[in-house]
Amino acid sequence: MGHQYETMYILRPDLGDEAIDQAIGKYQSILHEQGAEIVETQHRGKRRLAYEIDRHREGIYIQMNYQGPGSVVAQMERAMRLSEEVIRYLTVKQEIPKDASPVTADVDGADVA
């Protein structure tokens, strides 16, 4: 199936809801067309940037987790680089240990503060 990736990208803060949804749909479509399987997409909302980017002090953060061949990343990032709505993006390859056992929560009824 390929590797597991996480791409975080930041959209311009002046985009409306419809434009945000269109941007999310566009990048999901590119991944699907390239043979990736999208695990999860999270709209993390508008946040203040650590530093100004293209005269913007805030950005709309979107996180995508997906699996696929390495070639999908280049195609999607190229589209992001050429777009007017994306002001930053970062993709990281997630390493999955071969002998990883499922993480189980300790539920013994202890109070959680």
Protein backbone atom coordinates (compact mmCIF):
# COMPACT_ATOMS: atom_id res chain seq x y z
CA MET A 1 0.00 0.00 0.00
CA GLY A 2 2.95 2.33 0.43
CA HIS A 3 3.86 4.57 3.31
CA GLN A 4 1.86 6.54 5.82
CA TYR A 5 2.10 10.34 5.63
CA GLU A 6 0.80 13.37 7.46
CA THR A 7 0.49 16.68 5.64
CA MET A 8 -0.31 19.82 7.58
CA TYR A 9 -1.16 22.82 5.44
CA ILE A 10 -2.20 26.36 6.24
CA LEU A 11 -4.80 28.22 4.20
CA ARG A 12 -5.13 31.99 3.97
CA PRO A 13 -7.23 33.33 6.87
CA ASP A 14 -9.51 35.38 4.60
CA LEU A 15 -11.02 32.33 2.86
CA GLY A 16 -14.72 31.66 3.43
CA ASP A 17 -16.13 28.28 4.43
CA GLU A 18 -16.96 27.35 0.84
CA ALA A 19 -13.44 28.15 -0.38
CA ILE A 20 -11.96 26.15 2.53
CA ASP A 21 -14.13 23.14 1.67
CA GLN A 22 -13.13 23.44 -2.00
CA ALA A 23 -9.43 23.52 -1.08
CA ILE A 24 -9.77 20.48 1.19
CA GLY A 25 -11.68 18.63 -1.54
CA LYS A 26 -9.07 19.56 -4.14
CA TYR A 27 -6.14 18.09 -2.20
CA GLN A 28 -8.12 14.99 -1.22
CA SER A 29 -8.95 14.45 -4.92
CA ILE A 30 -5.31 14.78 -5.95
CA LEU A 31 -4.35 12.13 -3.40
CA HIS A 32 -7.15 9.79 -4.53
CA GLU A 33 -6.20 10.24 -8.21
CA GLN A 34 -2.60 9.30 -7.37
CA GLY A 35 -3.69 6.10 -5.62
CA ALA A 36 -3.55 7.21 -1.99
CA GLU A 37 -6.01 6.20 0.69
CA ILE A 38 -7.02 9.04 2.99
CA VAL A 39 -7.21 7.92 6.58
CA GLU A 40 -8.35 11.18 8.15
CA THR A 41 -8.70 14.89 7.41
CA GLN A 42 -9.00 17.34 10.29
CA HIS A 43 -10.01 20.99 9.97
CA ARG A 44 -8.18 22.47 12.94
CA GLY A 45 -9.54 25.97 12.54
CA LYS A 46 -8.00 29.43 12.45
CA ARG A 47 -4.93 29.96 14.59
CA ARG A 48 -2.38 32.68 15.13
CA LEU A 49 0.87 32.05 13.25
CA ALA A 50 4.20 32.00 15.07
CA TYR A 51 5.42 34.57 12.55
CA GLU A 52 3.94 36.50 9.67
CA ILE A 53 3.63 34.63 6.36
CA ASP A 54 2.80 36.61 3.20
CA ARG A 55 1.52 39.45 5.40
CA HIS A 56 -0.86 37.11 7.23
CA ARG A 57 -0.84 36.83 11.04
CA GLU A 58 -3.33 33.94 11.14
CA GLY A 59 -3.98 30.84 9.10
CA ILE A 60 -6.50 28.02 8.77
CA TYR A 61 -4.84 24.73 9.69
CA ILE A 62 -5.79 21.50 7.92
CA GLN A 63 -4.22 18.10 8.70
CA MET A 64 -4.42 15.09 6.38
CA ASN A 65 -3.28 11.58 7.22
CA TYR A 66 -3.06 9.15 4.31
CA GLN A 67 -1.31 6.09 2.91
CA GLY A 68 0.14 5.68 -0.54
CA PRO A 69 3.23 5.56 -2.72
CA GLY A 70 5.80 8.31 -2.23
CA SER A 71 4.92 9.85 -5.60
CA VAL A 72 1.59 11.14 -4.24
CA VAL A 73 3.33 13.64 -1.98
CA ALA A 74 5.17 15.38 -4.82
CA GLN A 75 2.00 15.78 -6.91
CA MET A 76 0.00 17.23 -4.04
CA GLU A 77 2.77 19.54 -2.81
CA ARG A 78 3.29 20.85 -6.33
CA ALA A 79 -0.40 21.82 -6.45
CA MET A 80 -0.09 23.47 -3.02
CA ARG A 81 3.01 25.39 -4.06
CA LEU A 82 1.23 26.78 -7.13
CA SER A 83 -2.00 27.60 -5.31
CA GLU A 84 -3.15 30.99 -4.12
CA GLU A 85 -4.87 29.67 -1.00
CA VAL A 86 -2.08 27.66 0.67
CA ILE A 87 0.49 29.77 2.52
CA ARG A 88 2.50 26.89 4.07
CA TYR A 89 2.60 23.10 3.99
CA LEU A 90 4.66 20.35 5.55
CA THR A 91 4.56 16.61 4.95
CA VAL A 92 6.13 14.07 7.26
CA LYS A 93 6.48 10.35 6.64
CA GLN A 94 5.26 8.41 9.64
CA GLU A 95 7.33 5.45 10.69
CA ILE A 96 5.31 2.47 11.84
CA PRO A 97 7.37 -0.03 13.84
CA LYS A 98 7.06 -3.56 12.41
CA ASP A 99 6.55 -5.10 15.87
CA ALA A 100 4.17 -2.45 17.17
CA SER A 101 1.47 -3.86 19.38
CA PRO A 102 -1.86 -2.03 19.67
CA VAL A 103 -1.92 0.63 22.37
CA THR A 104 -4.47 -0.21 25.01
CA ALA A 105 -5.83 2.31 27.46
CA ASP A 106 -5.59 1.52 31.14
CA VAL A 107 -9.20 1.62 32.25
CA ASP A 108 -9.24 0.57 35.87
CA GLY A 109 -11.79 3.13 36.98
CA ALA A 110 -9.20 5.57 38.32
CA ASP A 111 -10.32 9.18 38.47
CA VAL A 112 -8.86 11.36 35.76
CA ALA A 113 -8.46 14.98 36.81
